[in-house]
């Protein structure tokens, strides 16, 4: 995948997680420039992106950000996404100064409880016609190679 830094970044999320889907809705609502493209970790579109970084969706339980050819997971992904959403959300970038093991421990604690707290869907999110352009692949009418 060749990600043009001025064009977009890709967020891969757990498509059956209600918390993750809520976060995707939040990003869509606050990403006025449509900088982020989205795909469920479980989707066909995510597989080649993950394979390039030696990962498989089944082994992941976190959000993934691919930006400027770099791969971020867990708290690093969340904070970098927030940084692109404008104030006050972008102020969360300051938390990158907190040591990653501590940030990721908090992230992992929430992630391990997300299904209990927020529930789980039976199937991955399907974008509405209004949001299709924000998603990778056929449903988004855009592939990683077409950007």
C-alpha atoms as a PDB file:
ATOM      1  CA  UNK A   1       0.000   0.000   0.000  1.00  0.00           C
ATOM      2  CA  UNK A   2       1.311   3.399  -0.887  1.00  0.00           C
ATOM      3  CA  UNK A   3      -0.219   5.930   1.459  1.00  0.00           C
ATOM      4  CA  UNK A   4       0.210   9.507   0.344  1.00  0.00           C
ATOM      5  CA  UNK A   5       0.607  11.505   3.567  1.00  0.00           C
ATOM      6  CA  UNK A   6      -1.469  14.378   2.239  1.00  0.00           C
ATOM      7  CA  UNK A   7      -4.177  12.081   0.881  1.00  0.00           C
ATOM      8  CA  UNK A   8      -5.238   9.791   3.696  1.00  0.00           C
ATOM      9  CA  UNK A   9      -4.491   7.279   6.374  1.00  0.00           C
ATOM     10  CA  UNK A  10      -6.246   3.961   6.952  1.00  0.00           C
ATOM     11  CA  UNK A  11      -7.962   2.879  10.160  1.00  0.00           C
ATOM     12  CA  UNK A  12      -8.588  -0.838  10.630  1.00  0.00           C
ATOM     13  CA  UNK A  13     -11.058  -1.601  13.408  1.00  0.00           C
ATOM     14  CA  UNK A  14     -12.864  -4.546  14.978  1.00  0.00           C
ATOM     15  CA  UNK A  15     -16.010  -4.646  12.860  1.00  0.00           C
ATOM     16  CA  UNK A  16     -18.086  -6.564  15.401  1.00  0.00           C
ATOM     17  CA  UNK A  17     -17.175  -4.424  18.436  1.00  0.00           C
ATOM     18  CA  UNK A  18     -19.796  -1.854  19.427  1.00  0.00           C
ATOM     19  CA  UNK A  19     -17.167   0.359  21.095  1.00  0.00           C
ATOM     20  CA  UNK A  20     -15.046   0.257  17.943  1.00  0.00           C
ATOM     21  CA  UNK A  21     -18.028   1.065  15.737  1.00  0.00           C
ATOM     22  CA  UNK A  22     -18.866   3.981  18.016  1.00  0.00           C
ATOM     23  CA  UNK A  23     -15.284   5.192  17.660  1.00  0.00           C
ATOM     24  CA  UNK A  24     -15.576   4.919  13.863  1.00  0.00           C
ATOM     25  CA  UNK A  25     -18.753   7.015  13.974  1.00  0.00           C
ATOM     26  CA  UNK A  26     -16.899   9.572  16.112  1.00  0.00           C
ATOM     27  CA  UNK A  27     -14.033   9.730  13.610  1.00  0.00           C
ATOM     28  CA  UNK A  28     -16.438  10.128  10.695  1.00  0.00           C
ATOM     29  CA  UNK A  29     -18.289  12.919  12.515  1.00  0.00           C
ATOM     30  CA  UNK A  30     -15.098  14.822  13.410  1.00  0.00           C
ATOM     31  CA  UNK A  31     -12.893  14.138  10.367  1.00  0.00           C
ATOM     32  CA  UNK A  32     -14.143  16.991   8.211  1.00  0.00           C
ATOM     33  CA  UNK A  33     -11.335  16.562   5.676  1.00  0.00           C
ATOM     34  CA  UNK A  34     -12.156  12.848   5.220  1.00  0.00           C
ATOM     35  CA  UNK A  35      -8.478  12.116   5.872  1.00  0.00           C
ATOM     36  CA  UNK A  36      -9.191   8.654   7.249  1.00  0.00           C
ATOM     37  CA  UNK A  37     -10.348   5.690   5.194  1.00  0.00           C
ATOM     38  CA  UNK A  38     -11.825   2.790   7.126  1.00  0.00           C
ATOM     39  CA  UNK A  39     -12.081  -0.990   6.989  1.00  0.00           C
ATOM     40  CA  UNK A  40     -12.962  -3.716   9.441  1.00  0.00           C
ATOM     41  CA  UNK A  41     -10.025  -5.876  10.545  1.00  0.00           C
ATOM     42  CA  UNK A  42     -12.107  -8.870   9.451  1.00  0.00           C
ATOM     43  CA  UNK A  43     -12.644  -7.536   5.912  1.00  0.00           C
ATOM     44  CA  UNK A  44     -11.013  -8.725   2.713  1.00  0.00           C
ATOM     45  CA  UNK A  45      -9.622  -5.212   2.240  1.00  0.00           C
ATOM     46  CA  UNK A  46      -7.701  -5.410   5.529  1.00  0.00           C
ATOM     47  CA  UNK A  47      -5.939  -8.714   4.789  1.00  0.00           C
ATOM     48  CA  UNK A  48      -3.274  -7.453   2.347  1.00  0.00           C
ATOM     49  CA  UNK A  49      -2.637  -4.358   4.465  1.00  0.00           C
ATOM     50  CA  UNK A  50      -2.062  -6.497   7.556  1.00  0.00           C
ATOM     51  CA  UNK A  51       0.014  -9.075   5.657  1.00  0.00           C
ATOM     52  CA  UNK A  52       2.443  -6.350   4.558  1.00  0.00           C
ATOM     53  CA  UNK A  53       3.184  -5.830   8.239  1.00  0.00           C
ATOM     54  CA  UNK A  54       3.316  -9.548   9.085  1.00  0.00           C
ATOM     55  CA  UNK A  55      -0.021  -9.571  10.919  1.00  0.00           C
ATOM     56  CA  UNK A  56      -3.316 -11.418  10.646  1.00  0.00           C
ATOM     57  CA  UNK A  57      -6.657 -10.014  11.812  1.00  0.00           C
ATOM     58  CA  UNK A  58      -7.356 -13.001  14.079  1.00  0.00           C
ATOM     59  CA  UNK A  59      -4.266 -12.163  16.146  1.00  0.00           C
ATOM     60  CA  UNK A  60      -5.302  -8.542  16.680  1.00  0.00           C
ATOM     61  CA  UNK A  61      -7.621  -7.139  19.287  1.00  0.00           C
ATOM     62  CA  UNK A  62      -6.797  -3.503  18.735  1.00  0.00           C
ATOM     63  CA  UNK A  63      -7.319  -0.633  16.369  1.00  0.00           C
ATOM     64  CA  UNK A  64      -4.707  -0.243  13.642  1.00  0.00           C
ATOM     65  CA  UNK A  65      -3.620   2.955  11.925  1.00  0.00           C
ATOM     66  CA  UNK A  66      -1.555   2.931   8.748  1.00  0.00           C
ATOM     67  CA  UNK A  67      -0.196   6.387   8.021  1.00  0.00           C
ATOM     68  CA  UNK A  68       2.779   7.593   5.982  1.00  0.00           C
ATOM     69  CA  UNK A  69       3.903   4.000   5.456  1.00  0.00           C
ATOM     70  CA  UNK A  70       3.979   3.357   9.216  1.00  0.00           C
ATOM     71  CA  UNK A  71       1.866   1.011  11.240  1.00  0.00           C
ATOM     72  CA  UNK A  72       0.453   1.946  14.674  1.00  0.00           C
ATOM     73  CA  UNK A  73      -1.585  -0.133  17.111  1.00  0.00           C
ATOM     74  CA  UNK A  74      -3.360   0.310  20.405  1.00  0.00           C
ATOM     75  CA  UNK A  75      -2.814   3.628  22.219  1.00  0.00           C
ATOM     76  CA  UNK A  76      -0.418   4.920  19.563  1.00  0.00           C
ATOM     77  CA  UNK A  77      -3.092   4.519  16.899  1.00  0.00           C
ATOM     78  CA  UNK A  78      -5.824   6.094  19.021  1.00  0.00           C
ATOM     79  CA  UNK A  79      -3.736   9.123  19.956  1.00  0.00           C
ATOM     80  CA  UNK A  80      -2.531   9.712  16.389  1.00  0.00           C
ATOM     81  CA  UNK A  81      -6.103   9.485  15.122  1.00  0.00           C
ATOM     82  CA  UNK A  82      -7.271  11.982  17.758  1.00  0.00           C
ATOM     83  CA  UNK A  83      -4.440  14.331  16.764  1.00  0.00           C
ATOM     84  CA  UNK A  84      -5.954  14.614  13.265  1.00  0.00           C
ATOM     85  CA  UNK A  85      -9.464  15.449  14.474  1.00  0.00           C
ATOM     86  CA  UNK A  86      -8.814  19.022  15.567  1.00  0.00           C
ATOM     87  CA  UNK A  87      -9.234  20.668  18.958  1.00  0.00           C
ATOM     88  CA  UNK A  88     -10.091  19.637  21.571  1.00  0.00           C
ATOM     89  CA  UNK A  89      -9.524  16.026  20.448  1.00  0.00           C
ATOM     90  CA  UNK A  90      -6.084  16.788  19.028  1.00  0.00           C
ATOM     91  CA  UNK A  91      -4.884  17.760  22.492  1.00  0.00           C
ATOM     92  CA  UNK A  92      -4.806  14.034  23.291  1.00  0.00           C
ATOM     93  CA  UNK A  93      -1.576  13.926  21.261  1.00  0.00           C
ATOM     94  CA  UNK A  94       0.172  15.198  24.403  1.00  0.00           C
ATOM     95  CA  UNK A  95      -0.457  11.754  25.910  1.00  0.00           C
ATOM     96  CA  UNK A  96       2.131  10.351  23.478  1.00  0.00           C
ATOM     97  CA  UNK A  97       4.650  11.650  26.042  1.00  0.00           C
ATOM     98  CA  UNK A  98       3.371   9.012  28.489  1.00  0.00           C
ATOM     99  CA  UNK A  99       5.493   5.846  28.148  1.00  0.00           C
ATOM    100  CA  UNK A 100       3.905   3.448  25.674  1.00  0.00           C
ATOM    101  CA  UNK A 101       3.818   0.463  28.079  1.00  0.00           C
ATOM    102  CA  UNK A 102       1.681   2.487  30.484  1.00  0.00           C
ATOM    103  CA  UNK A 103      -0.596   3.827  27.723  1.00  0.00           C
ATOM    104  CA  UNK A 104      -0.979   0.368  26.216  1.00  0.00           C
ATOM    105  CA  UNK A 105      -1.741  -1.178  29.615  1.00  0.00           C
ATOM    106  CA  UNK A 106      -4.723   1.169  29.956  1.00  0.00           C
ATOM    107  CA  UNK A 107      -5.720   0.477  26.340  1.00  0.00           C
ATOM    108  CA  UNK A 108      -5.484  -3.299  26.909  1.00  0.00           C
ATOM    109  CA  UNK A 109      -7.532  -3.069  30.094  1.00  0.00           C
ATOM    110  CA  UNK A 110     -10.387  -1.365  28.219  1.00  0.00           C
ATOM    111  CA  UNK A 111      -9.997  -3.606  25.159  1.00  0.00           C
ATOM    112  CA  UNK A 112     -10.245  -6.770  27.232  1.00  0.00           C
ATOM    113  CA  UNK A 113     -13.581  -5.587  28.634  1.00  0.00           C
ATOM    114  CA  UNK A 114     -15.082  -3.898  25.563  1.00  0.00           C
ATOM    115  CA  UNK A 115     -17.466  -6.708  24.621  1.00  0.00           C
ATOM    116  CA  UNK A 116     -18.727  -6.996  28.217  1.00  0.00           C
ATOM    117  CA  UNK A 117     -19.239  -3.247  28.558  1.00  0.00           C
ATOM    118  CA  UNK A 118     -20.421  -2.285  25.072  1.00  0.00           C
ATOM    119  CA  UNK A 119     -21.509  -5.537  23.438  1.00  0.00           C
ATOM    120  CA  UNK A 120     -20.716  -7.222  20.190  1.00  0.00           C
ATOM    121  CA  UNK A 121     -22.456  -7.388  16.811  1.00  0.00           C
ATOM    122  CA  UNK A 122     -23.228 -10.610  14.983  1.00  0.00           C
ATOM    123  CA  UNK A 123     -21.558  -9.322  11.831  1.00  0.00           C
ATOM    124  CA  UNK A 124     -19.248  -6.559  10.677  1.00  0.00           C
ATOM    125  CA  UNK A 125     -20.476  -3.066  10.026  1.00  0.00           C
ATOM    126  CA  UNK A 126     -21.791  -2.345   6.538  1.00  0.00           C
ATOM    127  CA  UNK A 127     -21.448   1.302   5.563  1.00  0.00           C
ATOM    128  CA  UNK A 128     -24.560   3.218   4.602  1.00  0.00           C
ATOM    129  CA  UNK A 129     -24.689   4.541   1.036  1.00  0.00           C
ATOM    130  CA  UNK A 130     -23.850   8.017   2.391  1.00  0.00           C
ATOM    131  CA  UNK A 131     -20.649   6.716   4.010  1.00  0.00           C
ATOM    132  CA  UNK A 132     -19.431   4.241   1.394  1.00  0.00           C
ATOM    133  CA  UNK A 133     -16.693   6.543   0.093  1.00  0.00           C
ATOM    134  CA  UNK A 134     -15.101   6.568   3.566  1.00  0.00           C
ATOM    135  CA  UNK A 135     -14.517   2.791   3.493  1.00  0.00           C
ATOM    136  CA  UNK A 136     -11.970   0.759   1.537  1.00  0.00           C
ATOM    137  CA  UNK A 137     -12.987  -1.843  -1.006  1.00  0.00           C
ATOM    138  CA  UNK A 138     -16.049  -2.571  -3.069  1.00  0.00           C
ATOM    139  CA  UNK A 139     -18.455  -1.262  -0.458  1.00  0.00           C
ATOM    140  CA  UNK A 140     -16.423   1.929  -0.346  1.00  0.00           C
ATOM    141  CA  UNK A 141     -15.833   2.036  -4.087  1.00  0.00           C
ATOM    142  CA  UNK A 142     -12.129   2.441  -3.332  1.00  0.00           C
ATOM    143  CA  UNK A 143      -9.239   0.088  -2.856  1.00  0.00           C
ATOM    144  CA  UNK A 144      -5.918   0.637  -1.179  1.00  0.00           C
ATOM    145  CA  UNK A 145      -4.276   0.765  -4.622  1.00  0.00           C
ATOM    146  CA  UNK A 146      -6.692   3.332  -6.042  1.00  0.00           C
ATOM    147  CA  UNK A 147      -5.792   6.069  -3.583  1.00  0.00           C
END
